[in-house]
Amino acid sequence: MLDLASIQDLLAPLFPGLMGVRVTELAPDRVVAEMPVRADLCTAGGILHGGAYMAFADTLGAVGTILNLPSGKRTTTTDSSTKFIAGARLGSTVTGECLALHRGRTTMVWQTSIRTAEGKLCAVVTQTQLVLDGPG
């Protein structure tokens, strides 16, 4: 299994790295990460943008799937559903906890709960990851 440093190195030059995503825990059925709520990720009102919630969660589900991929396979998101519950304010940090709901041979389903540092639930994202053959 990949370790935290390897996953962070993988994410650093990509969109999640630009967003400031920092993975803090990894397991085959659970991924936890933090993301600072910066001005460039917010709406005009200083609240984390809905797209930032979605991209954060999408990253965690993809990481979870990568941890479970057999050799020679890759993944892509095929479906994602987001329920927005509360806002996260500029200057705070959100934490995402992503849990495996299904880890199958051809698909994996993950659910991410995004919370403020105080534990307030901000969003719940459920996504399906397709398992594909590697580049060929």
C-alpha atoms as a PDB file:
ATOM      1  CA  MET A   1       0.000   0.000   0.000  1.00  0.00           C
ATOM      2  CA  LEU A   2       1.157   3.541  -0.709  1.00  0.00           C
ATOM      3  CA  ASP A   3       2.152   5.596   2.334  1.00  0.00           C
ATOM      4  CA  LEU A   4       1.182   9.165   3.268  1.00  0.00           C
ATOM      5  CA  ALA A   5       4.347  10.703   1.816  1.00  0.00           C
ATOM      6  CA  SER A   6       3.873   8.920  -1.539  1.00  0.00           C
ATOM      7  CA  ILE A   7       0.243  10.020  -1.780  1.00  0.00           C
ATOM      8  CA  GLN A   8       1.128  13.611  -0.869  1.00  0.00           C
ATOM      9  CA  ASP A   9       3.912  13.603  -3.487  1.00  0.00           C
ATOM     10  CA  LEU A  10       1.416  12.325  -6.052  1.00  0.00           C
ATOM     11  CA  LEU A  11      -1.093  15.084  -5.225  1.00  0.00           C
ATOM     12  CA  ALA A  12       1.345  17.999  -4.821  1.00  0.00           C
ATOM     13  CA  PRO A  13       1.747  18.972  -8.520  1.00  0.00           C
ATOM     14  CA  LEU A  14      -1.926  18.336  -9.320  1.00  0.00           C
ATOM     15  CA  PHE A  15      -5.164  20.255  -8.627  1.00  0.00           C
ATOM     16  CA  PRO A  16      -5.471  18.882  -5.059  1.00  0.00           C
ATOM     17  CA  GLY A  17      -1.984  20.226  -4.346  1.00  0.00           C
ATOM     18  CA  LEU A  18      -3.030  23.651  -5.631  1.00  0.00           C
ATOM     19  CA  MET A  19      -6.048  23.518  -3.301  1.00  0.00           C
ATOM     20  CA  GLY A  20      -3.812  22.745  -0.315  1.00  0.00           C
ATOM     21  CA  VAL A  21      -5.157  19.241   0.363  1.00  0.00           C
ATOM     22  CA  ARG A  22      -3.084  17.428   2.993  1.00  0.00           C
ATOM     23  CA  VAL A  23      -3.800  13.746   3.560  1.00  0.00           C
ATOM     24  CA  THR A  24      -3.441  12.845   7.243  1.00  0.00           C
ATOM     25  CA  GLU A  25      -4.641   9.220   7.457  1.00  0.00           C
ATOM     26  CA  LEU A  26      -4.716   6.318   5.010  1.00  0.00           C
ATOM     27  CA  ALA A  27      -6.291   2.874   5.223  1.00  0.00           C
ATOM     28  CA  PRO A  28      -7.860   0.641   2.551  1.00  0.00           C
ATOM     29  CA  ASP A  29     -11.353   1.624   3.738  1.00  0.00           C
ATOM     30  CA  ARG A  30     -10.754   5.166   5.071  1.00  0.00           C
ATOM     31  CA  VAL A  31      -8.955   8.338   3.977  1.00  0.00           C
ATOM     32  CA  VAL A  32      -8.768  11.533   6.051  1.00  0.00           C
ATOM     33  CA  ALA A  33      -7.429  14.898   4.860  1.00  0.00           C
ATOM     34  CA  GLU A  34      -7.465  18.602   5.683  1.00  0.00           C
ATOM     35  CA  MET A  35      -7.842  21.634   3.465  1.00  0.00           C
ATOM     36  CA  PRO A  36      -7.459  25.305   4.413  1.00  0.00           C
ATOM     37  CA  VAL A  37     -10.356  27.577   3.474  1.00  0.00           C
ATOM     38  CA  ARG A  38      -8.461  30.239   1.520  1.00  0.00           C
ATOM     39  CA  ALA A  39      -9.869  33.270  -0.279  1.00  0.00           C
ATOM     40  CA  ASP A  40      -9.197  31.741  -3.705  1.00  0.00           C
ATOM     41  CA  LEU A  41     -11.410  28.756  -2.766  1.00  0.00           C
ATOM     42  CA  CYS A  42     -14.328  30.876  -1.514  1.00  0.00           C
ATOM     43  CA  THR A  43     -17.418  32.611  -2.788  1.00  0.00           C
ATOM     44  CA  ALA A  44     -17.659  36.405  -2.621  1.00  0.00           C
ATOM     45  CA  GLY A  45     -19.153  35.982   0.856  1.00  0.00           C
ATOM     46  CA  GLY A  46     -16.054  34.323   2.305  1.00  0.00           C
ATOM     47  CA  ILE A  47     -17.579  30.823   2.383  1.00  0.00           C
ATOM     48  CA  LEU A  48     -15.923  27.755   0.855  1.00  0.00           C
ATOM     49  CA  HIS A  49     -17.152  27.362  -2.729  1.00  0.00           C
ATOM     50  CA  GLY A  50     -19.323  24.329  -3.485  1.00  0.00           C
ATOM     51  CA  GLY A  51     -16.927  23.235  -6.204  1.00  0.00           C
ATOM     52  CA  ALA A  52     -14.087  23.214  -3.676  1.00  0.00           C
ATOM     53  CA  TYR A  53     -16.066  20.874  -1.409  1.00  0.00           C
ATOM     54  CA  MET A  54     -16.714  18.597  -4.364  1.00  0.00           C
ATOM     55  CA  ALA A  55     -13.118  18.595  -5.598  1.00  0.00           C
ATOM     56  CA  PHE A  56     -11.833  17.918  -2.078  1.00  0.00           C
ATOM     57  CA  ALA A  57     -14.163  14.936  -1.667  1.00  0.00           C
ATOM     58  CA  ASP A  58     -13.459  13.664  -5.186  1.00  0.00           C
ATOM     59  CA  THR A  59      -9.761  13.635  -4.348  1.00  0.00           C
ATOM     60  CA  LEU A  60     -10.319  11.569  -1.206  1.00  0.00           C
ATOM     61  CA  GLY A  61     -12.470   8.996  -2.994  1.00  0.00           C
ATOM     62  CA  ALA A  62      -9.907   8.706  -5.763  1.00  0.00           C
ATOM     63  CA  VAL A  63      -7.104   8.243  -3.219  1.00  0.00           C
ATOM     64  CA  GLY A  64      -9.116   5.534  -1.470  1.00  0.00           C
ATOM     65  CA  THR A  65      -9.642   3.752  -4.771  1.00  0.00           C
ATOM     66  CA  ILE A  66      -5.958   4.044  -5.702  1.00  0.00           C
ATOM     67  CA  LEU A  67      -5.089   2.360  -2.411  1.00  0.00           C
ATOM     68  CA  ASN A  68      -7.258  -0.590  -3.442  1.00  0.00           C
ATOM     69  CA  LEU A  69      -6.399  -0.882  -7.146  1.00  0.00           C
ATOM     70  CA  PRO A  70      -4.903  -4.115  -8.411  1.00  0.00           C
ATOM     71  CA  SER A  71      -1.652  -3.771 -10.344  1.00  0.00           C
ATOM     72  CA  GLY A  72      -2.125  -2.432 -13.862  1.00  0.00           C
ATOM     73  CA  LYS A  73      -5.448  -0.725 -13.124  1.00  0.00           C
ATOM     74  CA  ARG A  74      -6.471   2.939 -12.972  1.00  0.00           C
ATOM     75  CA  THR A  75      -9.617   4.805 -11.907  1.00  0.00           C
ATOM     76  CA  THR A  76     -11.951   7.617 -12.832  1.00  0.00           C
ATOM     77  CA  THR A  77     -15.016   9.104 -11.161  1.00  0.00           C
ATOM     78  CA  THR A  78     -18.279   8.172 -12.885  1.00  0.00           C
ATOM     79  CA  ASP A  79     -20.820   9.692 -10.512  1.00  0.00           C
ATOM     80  CA  SER A  80     -20.862  12.133  -7.628  1.00  0.00           C
ATOM     81  CA  SER A  81     -23.665  13.503  -5.447  1.00  0.00           C
ATOM     82  CA  THR A  82     -23.178  16.349  -2.998  1.00  0.00           C
ATOM     83  CA  LYS A  83     -25.416  17.481  -0.169  1.00  0.00           C
ATOM     84  CA  PHE A  84     -24.451  20.934   1.116  1.00  0.00           C
ATOM     85  CA  ILE A  85     -25.363  21.403   4.764  1.00  0.00           C
ATOM     86  CA  ALA A  86     -23.387  24.353   6.162  1.00  0.00           C
ATOM     87  CA  GLY A  87     -20.692  26.811   5.153  1.00  0.00           C
ATOM     88  CA  ALA A  88     -17.037  26.824   6.146  1.00  0.00           C
ATOM     89  CA  ARG A  89     -15.645  30.312   6.683  1.00  0.00           C
ATOM     90  CA  LEU A  90     -12.549  31.880   5.184  1.00  0.00           C
ATOM     91  CA  GLY A  91      -9.512  31.278   7.397  1.00  0.00           C
ATOM     92  CA  SER A  92     -10.757  27.991   8.826  1.00  0.00           C
ATOM     93  CA  THR A  93      -9.726  24.439   7.950  1.00  0.00           C
ATOM     94  CA  VAL A  94     -12.057  21.667   6.860  1.00  0.00           C
ATOM     95  CA  THR A  95     -11.481  17.962   7.410  1.00  0.00           C
ATOM     96  CA  GLY A  96     -12.769  15.277   5.086  1.00  0.00           C
ATOM     97  CA  GLU A  97     -13.310  11.712   6.226  1.00  0.00           C
ATOM     98  CA  CYS A  98     -13.886   9.367   3.303  1.00  0.00           C
ATOM     99  CA  LEU A  99     -15.250   5.877   3.967  1.00  0.00           C
ATOM    100  CA  ALA A 100     -15.579   2.948   1.588  1.00  0.00           C
ATOM    101  CA  LEU A 101     -19.184   1.887   1.072  1.00  0.00           C
ATOM    102  CA  HIS A 102     -18.260  -0.689  -1.612  1.00  0.00           C
ATOM    103  CA  ARG A 103     -14.880  -1.945  -2.840  1.00  0.00           C
ATOM    104  CA  GLY A 104     -15.622  -4.155  -5.830  1.00  0.00           C
ATOM    105  CA  ARG A 105     -13.715  -5.485  -8.797  1.00  0.00           C
ATOM    106  CA  THR A 106     -15.110  -2.948 -11.297  1.00  0.00           C
ATOM    107  CA  THR A 107     -16.452  -0.122  -9.118  1.00  0.00           C
ATOM    108  CA  MET A 108     -15.842   1.399  -5.713  1.00  0.00           C
ATOM    109  CA  VAL A 109     -18.222   3.699  -3.847  1.00  0.00           C
ATOM    110  CA  TRP A 110     -16.977   6.227  -1.294  1.00  0.00           C
ATOM    111  CA  GLN A 111     -18.734   8.687   1.007  1.00  0.00           C
ATOM    112  CA  THR A 112     -16.965  11.773   2.315  1.00  0.00           C
ATOM    113  CA  SER A 113     -18.153  13.852   5.262  1.00  0.00           C
ATOM    114  CA  ILE A 114     -16.604  17.326   5.351  1.00  0.00           C
ATOM    115  CA  ARG A 115     -16.563  19.114   8.705  1.00  0.00           C
ATOM    116  CA  THR A 116     -15.256  22.304  10.268  1.00  0.00           C
ATOM    117  CA  ALA A 117     -12.565  22.166  12.954  1.00  0.00           C
ATOM    118  CA  GLU A 118     -15.408  22.399  15.487  1.00  0.00           C
ATOM    119  CA  GLY A 119     -16.996  19.260  14.026  1.00  0.00           C
ATOM    120  CA  LYS A 120     -19.913  20.950  12.242  1.00  0.00           C
ATOM    121  CA  LEU A 121     -20.988  18.956   9.177  1.00  0.00           C
ATOM    122  CA  CYS A 122     -20.686  21.054   6.006  1.00  0.00           C
ATOM    123  CA  ALA A 123     -21.192  18.569   3.170  1.00  0.00           C
ATOM    124  CA  VAL A 124     -21.638  14.893   2.386  1.00  0.00           C
ATOM    125  CA  VAL A 125     -20.400  13.613  -0.968  1.00  0.00           C
ATOM    126  CA  THR A 126     -21.004  10.129  -2.334  1.00  0.00           C
ATOM    127  CA  GLN A 127     -19.099   9.060  -5.436  1.00  0.00           C
ATOM    128  CA  THR A 128     -18.583   6.047  -7.632  1.00  0.00           C
ATOM    129  CA  GLN A 129     -15.132   5.233  -8.981  1.00  0.00           C
ATOM    130  CA  LEU A 130     -14.783   3.014 -12.042  1.00  0.00           C
ATOM    131  CA  VAL A 131     -11.838   0.586 -12.079  1.00  0.00           C
ATOM    132  CA  LEU A 132     -10.262   0.504 -15.551  1.00  0.00           C
ATOM    133  CA  ASP A 133      -7.401  -1.267 -17.235  1.00  0.00           C
ATOM    134  CA  GLY A 134      -4.194   0.776 -17.145  1.00  0.00           C
ATOM    135  CA  PRO A 135      -3.044   2.899 -20.090  1.00  0.00           C
ATOM    136  CA  GLY A 136      -2.566   0.724 -23.126  1.00  0.00           C
END
